[in-house]
Amino acid sequence: MSLVGEERKSIILEKLNSEGQVKTFDLVKKLNVSSETIRRYLEELEDENRLKRVYGGAVKINLSGEEPSYLKREVLHAEEKRLIGKAAATLVEDNDVIFIDDGTTPQQMIHFLMNKHNLTVLTMSIPALHLLIEYKNKELFSGEIYLIGGKVNATHSRVTGSIAEKIAGLFHADKAFISIDGIVLNKGITAFDAERGQLASKVIENSKQTIIMTDSSKIGLTQMYRIAEWRDIDIVICNTAMPKDWRETLDERGVEWIVAE
């Protein structure tokens, strides 16, 4: 593959990350090459497991239509999640009321809250609750802990459902740290599970500031339930820079993108 070919494939992947899909017709016009050339690029990228070809173009690979279990999610992109958690913790100030979502990425920020004082932490995550209790008992965490109660999802170690939504509606957080399963420019942020998504939406509605925590594997993916639109989001923390063609839209919505390093 020539250097020009690799550059064209990079452009295809950037567009895929931005929109979640690419169409052969659009790529022919954008790259000024034949449809046969585009099809060859898409075949090569599919062979590299970078995308999945469909009729008329390609979509970003979604390895599963179902959410992986908590134990499986815990080991995926572990170092990226640690860096994202560390960056998120720097946004927390003494006396804050914060919501920590159930994802394995938000859980990482707990390790970096030890020097914060008089925090109130709300969570629906059972592993996050256990970790907070452990630090509290060791006198390494200063603050109060509230578990949002409701129906327990054993597979994902979290609490969701209508009771949890009602309880969440009683609290107003300064900052909500939200985990996601997909993020696309024209569709906002999405989740696999509608019940978890509804609870996250309620928390976002009642919070002064919403911080999205995601590794780059979620960029370009769209899942079933829309948690929020860009106008609902204040900050995104990710291990990579935002796709190039997202900047204008995010600037218009006042969204800050922080790269965790």
Protein backbone atom coordinates (compact mmCIF):
# COMPACT_ATOMS: atom_id res chain seq x y z
CA MET A 1 0.00 0.00 0.00
CA SER A 2 1.36 3.40 -1.01
CA LEU A 3 1.64 6.35 1.34
CA VAL A 4 -1.25 8.04 -0.48
CA GLY A 5 -3.35 4.90 -0.01
CA GLU A 6 -2.63 4.83 3.73
CA GLU A 7 -3.56 8.51 4.01
CA ARG A 8 -6.84 7.84 2.23
CA LYS A 9 -7.58 4.95 4.56
CA SER A 10 -6.91 7.23 7.54
CA ILE A 11 -9.43 9.73 6.15
CA ILE A 12 -11.97 6.92 5.81
CA LEU A 13 -11.44 5.90 9.45
CA GLU A 14 -11.72 9.51 10.67
CA LYS A 15 -15.05 9.87 8.86
CA LEU A 16 -16.16 6.53 10.29
CA ASN A 17 -15.32 7.66 13.84
CA SER A 18 -17.21 10.90 13.29
CA GLU A 19 -20.38 9.49 11.75
CA GLY A 20 -20.41 5.81 12.68
CA GLN A 21 -20.72 4.83 9.01
CA VAL A 22 -19.33 5.72 5.58
CA LYS A 23 -20.91 5.47 2.14
CA THR A 24 -18.98 4.51 -0.97
CA PHE A 25 -20.63 7.26 -3.02
CA ASP A 26 -19.56 9.96 -0.54
CA LEU A 27 -16.01 8.61 -0.32
CA VAL A 28 -15.66 8.60 -4.12
CA LYS A 29 -16.43 12.34 -4.15
CA LYS A 30 -14.36 13.16 -1.05
CA LEU A 31 -11.22 11.30 -2.15
CA ASN A 32 -11.68 11.80 -5.90
CA VAL A 33 -11.07 8.14 -6.73
CA SER A 34 -13.11 5.38 -8.35
CA SER A 35 -15.68 3.29 -6.55
CA GLU A 36 -13.49 0.24 -7.23
CA THR A 37 -10.62 1.91 -5.35
CA ILE A 38 -12.90 2.72 -2.40
CA ARG A 39 -14.15 -0.86 -2.29
CA ARG A 40 -10.53 -2.06 -2.20
CA TYR A 41 -9.73 0.28 0.70
CA LEU A 42 -12.81 -0.94 2.59
CA GLU A 43 -11.85 -4.57 1.97
CA GLU A 44 -8.35 -3.94 3.32
CA LEU A 45 -9.69 -2.14 6.39
CA GLU A 46 -12.13 -4.96 7.02
CA ASP A 47 -9.27 -7.46 6.79
CA GLU A 48 -7.51 -5.37 9.45
CA ASN A 49 -10.67 -5.53 11.65
CA ARG A 50 -11.03 -1.75 11.46
CA LEU A 51 -14.58 -1.74 10.05
CA LYS A 52 -17.39 -3.93 8.76
CA ARG A 53 -18.48 -3.63 5.13
CA VAL A 54 -22.19 -3.33 4.41
CA TYR A 55 -24.16 -2.68 1.23
CA GLY A 56 -23.12 0.72 -0.12
CA GLY A 57 -20.33 1.36 2.38
CA ALA A 58 -19.17 0.34 5.85
CA VAL A 59 -19.92 0.73 9.55
CA LYS A 60 -17.73 0.79 12.61
CA ILE A 61 -17.24 -2.62 14.20
CA ASN A 62 -19.45 -3.26 17.20
CA LEU A 63 -18.15 -6.53 18.53
CA SER A 64 -21.35 -7.30 20.37
CA GLY A 65 -24.89 -6.06 20.28
CA GLU A 66 -25.04 -6.74 24.01
CA GLU A 67 -23.23 -5.09 26.88
CA PRO A 68 -20.30 -7.16 28.19
CA SER A 69 -20.55 -8.26 31.82
CA TYR A 70 -18.87 -6.19 34.53
CA LEU A 71 -16.03 -8.72 34.86
CA LYS A 72 -15.33 -8.56 31.12
CA ARG A 73 -15.53 -4.76 31.00
CA GLU A 74 -13.16 -4.44 33.94
CA VAL A 75 -10.16 -5.74 31.97
CA LEU A 76 -10.85 -3.92 28.69
CA HIS A 77 -8.67 -0.82 28.03
CA ALA A 78 -7.56 -0.87 31.67
CA GLU A 79 -4.68 1.62 31.38
CA GLU A 80 -6.75 4.08 29.34
CA LYS A 81 -9.49 3.92 31.97
CA ARG A 82 -6.99 4.60 34.76
CA LEU A 83 -5.73 7.73 33.00
CA ILE A 84 -9.28 8.92 32.32
CA GLY A 85 -10.19 8.34 35.97
CA LYS A 86 -7.15 10.29 37.14
CA ALA A 87 -8.05 13.21 34.87
CA ALA A 88 -11.66 13.17 36.07
CA ALA A 89 -10.60 13.33 39.72
CA THR A 90 -8.78 16.62 39.10
CA LEU A 91 -12.17 18.20 38.34
CA VAL A 92 -13.51 17.32 41.80
CA GLU A 93 -13.28 20.06 44.44
CA ASP A 94 -13.60 19.93 48.21
CA ASN A 95 -17.25 19.89 49.39
CA ASP A 96 -18.56 18.70 46.02
CA VAL A 97 -21.58 16.45 45.64
CA ILE A 98 -20.67 14.07 42.81
CA PHE A 99 -22.36 11.18 41.03
CA ILE A 100 -20.12 8.29 39.97
CA ASP A 101 -21.74 6.14 37.29
CA ASP A 102 -21.57 2.35 37.20
CA GLY A 103 -19.01 2.01 34.41
CA THR A 104 -15.56 0.59 35.03
CA THR A 105 -14.10 3.90 33.79
CA PRO A 106 -15.77 6.19 36.40
CA GLN A 107 -14.82 3.70 39.10
CA GLN A 108 -11.14 4.43 38.40
CA MET A 109 -11.49 8.00 39.62
CA ILE A 110 -12.19 6.79 43.17
CA HIS A 111 -8.51 5.89 43.58
CA PHE A 112 -7.60 9.55 43.06
CA LEU A 113 -10.10 11.15 45.47
CA MET A 114 -8.08 10.51 48.61
CA ASN A 115 -6.91 14.11 49.04
CA LYS A 116 -10.36 15.61 48.57
CA HIS A 117 -12.29 16.75 51.64
CA ASN A 118 -15.93 16.61 52.66
CA LEU A 119 -17.22 14.99 49.46
CA THR A 120 -20.66 13.49 49.03
CA VAL A 121 -20.62 10.62 46.55
CA LEU A 122 -23.74 9.18 44.94
CA THR A 123 -23.47 5.93 42.99
CA MET A 124 -25.53 3.12 41.48
CA SER A 125 -22.44 0.92 41.14
CA ILE A 126 -21.97 -1.90 43.63
CA PRO A 127 -18.19 -2.25 42.94
CA ALA A 128 -17.79 1.52 43.36
CA LEU A 129 -19.69 1.30 46.67
CA HIS A 130 -17.40 -1.47 47.93
CA LEU A 131 -14.30 0.50 46.95
CA LEU A 132 -15.56 3.66 48.65
CA ILE A 133 -16.39 1.70 51.81
CA GLU A 134 -12.91 0.14 51.78
CA TYR A 135 -11.23 3.55 51.54
CA LYS A 136 -13.60 4.98 54.16
CA ASN A 137 -12.78 2.21 56.64
CA LYS A 138 -9.07 2.81 56.09
CA GLU A 139 -9.66 6.55 56.73
CA LEU A 140 -8.40 7.34 53.22
CA PHE A 141 -11.68 8.82 52.02
CA SER A 142 -13.27 11.87 53.59
CA GLY A 143 -16.96 12.19 52.85
CA GLU A 144 -20.42 10.64 52.74
CA ILE A 145 -21.53 7.77 50.52
CA TYR A 146 -25.04 7.28 49.13
CA LEU A 147 -26.05 4.17 47.20
CA ILE A 148 -28.96 4.82 44.85
CA GLY A 149 -31.20 1.85 45.64
CA GLY A 150 -33.49 -0.18 43.39
CA LYS A 151 -33.44 -3.33 41.28
CA VAL A 152 -30.05 -5.07 41.33
CA ASN A 153 -28.57 -6.18 38.00
CA ALA A 154 -26.21 -8.99 39.03
CA THR A 155 -24.50 -9.32 35.63
CA HIS A 156 -23.47 -5.67 35.57
CA SER A 157 -23.19 -5.13 39.36
CA ARG A 158 -25.42 -2.06 39.35
CA VAL A 159 -28.79 -0.79 40.51
CA THR A 160 -31.39 0.48 38.02
CA GLY A 161 -35.15 0.62 37.51
CA SER A 162 -38.01 2.95 38.42
CA ILE A 163 -37.24 2.97 42.16
CA ALA A 164 -33.63 3.97 41.46
CA GLU A 165 -34.85 6.77 39.17
CA LYS A 166 -37.13 8.13 41.89
CA ILE A 167 -34.30 8.08 44.42
CA ALA A 168 -31.91 9.73 41.95
CA GLY A 169 -34.48 12.48 41.44
CA LEU A 170 -34.14 13.43 45.13
CA PHE A 171 -30.49 14.44 44.73
CA HIS A 172 -28.83 17.36 42.97
CA ALA A 173 -25.17 16.81 42.19
CA ASP A 174 -22.52 19.41 41.42
CA LYS A 175 -20.86 17.06 38.93
CA ALA A 176 -22.07 13.86 37.28
CA PHE A 177 -19.40 11.51 35.92
CA ILE A 178 -21.13 9.41 33.29
CA SER A 179 -20.03 6.23 31.50
CA ILE A 180 -21.22 5.55 27.95
CA ASP A 181 -21.34 2.80 25.32
CA GLY A 182 -21.34 4.95 22.19
CA ILE A 183 -20.61 8.52 21.11
CA VAL A 184 -21.34 9.94 17.66
CA LEU A 185 -21.39 13.53 16.47
CA ASN A 186 -24.96 13.62 15.18
CA LYS A 187 -26.49 11.27 17.77
CA GLY A 188 -24.97 12.29 21.10
CA ILE A 189 -24.17 9.65 23.70
CA THR A 190 -25.84 6.26 23.95
CA ALA A 191 -26.04 3.15 26.13
CA PHE A 192 -26.76 -0.53 25.60
CA ASP A 193 -29.34 -0.76 28.38
CA ALA A 194 -32.44 1.45 28.46
CA GLU A 195 -32.88 1.24 32.24
CA ARG A 196 -29.31 2.33 32.89
CA GLY A 197 -29.67 5.04 30.26
CA GLN A 198 -32.85 6.38 31.83
CA LEU A 199 -31.20 6.56 35.23
CA ALA A 200 -28.17 8.35 33.79
CA SER A 201 -30.49 10.80 32.01
CA LYS A 202 -32.25 11.57 35.31
CA VAL A 203 -28.91 12.19 37.02
CA ILE A 204 -27.76 14.47 34.18
CA GLU A 205 -31.02 16.42 34.43
CA ASN A 206 -30.40 17.05 38.15
CA SER A 207 -26.68 17.90 37.94
CA LYS A 208 -24.98 21.26 37.47
CA GLN A 209 -22.23 19.80 35.32
CA THR A 210 -22.03 16.60 33.23
CA ILE A 211 -18.70 14.95 32.50
CA ILE A 212 -18.57 12.07 30.01
CA MET A 213 -15.81 9.51 30.57
CA THR A 214 -14.98 7.29 27.61
CA ASP A 215 -12.10 5.50 25.97
CA SER A 216 -11.64 5.89 22.23
CA SER A 217 -13.22 2.52 21.39
CA LYS A 218 -16.68 4.07 21.94
CA ILE A 219 -16.17 6.86 19.37
CA GLY A 220 -18.29 6.25 16.29
CA LEU A 221 -20.54 3.65 17.95
CA THR A 222 -24.28 4.08 18.45
CA GLN A 223 -26.18 1.89 20.90
CA MET A 224 -29.90 1.48 21.51
CA TYR A 225 -30.71 4.14 24.11
CA ARG A 226 -29.80 7.82 23.86
CA ILE A 227 -28.64 9.10 27.22
CA ALA A 228 -28.12 12.73 26.26
CA GLU A 229 -27.50 15.13 23.42
CA TRP A 230 -24.49 17.41 23.09
CA ARG A 231 -26.34 20.35 24.63
CA ASP A 232 -26.59 18.33 27.87
CA ILE A 233 -22.83 17.70 28.10
CA ASP A 234 -20.16 20.00 29.55
CA ILE A 235 -16.95 17.98 29.33
CA VAL A 236 -15.71 14.82 27.61
CA ILE A 237 -12.65 13.04 29.00
CA CYS A 238 -11.05 10.57 26.58
CA ASN A 239 -7.66 8.99 26.03
CA THR A 240 -7.46 10.46 22.50
CA ALA A 241 -8.22 13.80 20.89
CA MET A 242 -11.66 14.41 19.44
CA PRO A 243 -12.23 13.56 15.76
CA LYS A 244 -11.13 16.54 13.68
CA ASP A 245 -14.53 17.38 12.24
CA TRP A 246 -16.25 17.44 15.64
CA ARG A 247 -14.68 20.68 16.83
CA GLU A 248 -17.11 23.15 15.28
CA THR A 249 -20.16 21.36 16.70
CA LEU A 250 -18.65 20.91 20.16
CA ASP A 251 -17.49 24.52 20.27
CA GLU A 252 -21.02 25.65 19.36
CA ARG A 253 -22.44 23.54 22.20
CA GLY A 254 -19.77 24.70 24.67
CA VAL A 255 -18.36 21.19 25.18
CA GLU A 256 -14.77 20.91 26.42
CA TRP A 257 -12.75 17.84 25.35
CA ILE A 258 -9.98 16.78 27.75
CA VAL A 259 -7.32 14.29 26.63
CA ALA A 260 -6.25 12.06 29.53
CA GLU A 261 -2.50 11.50 29.46
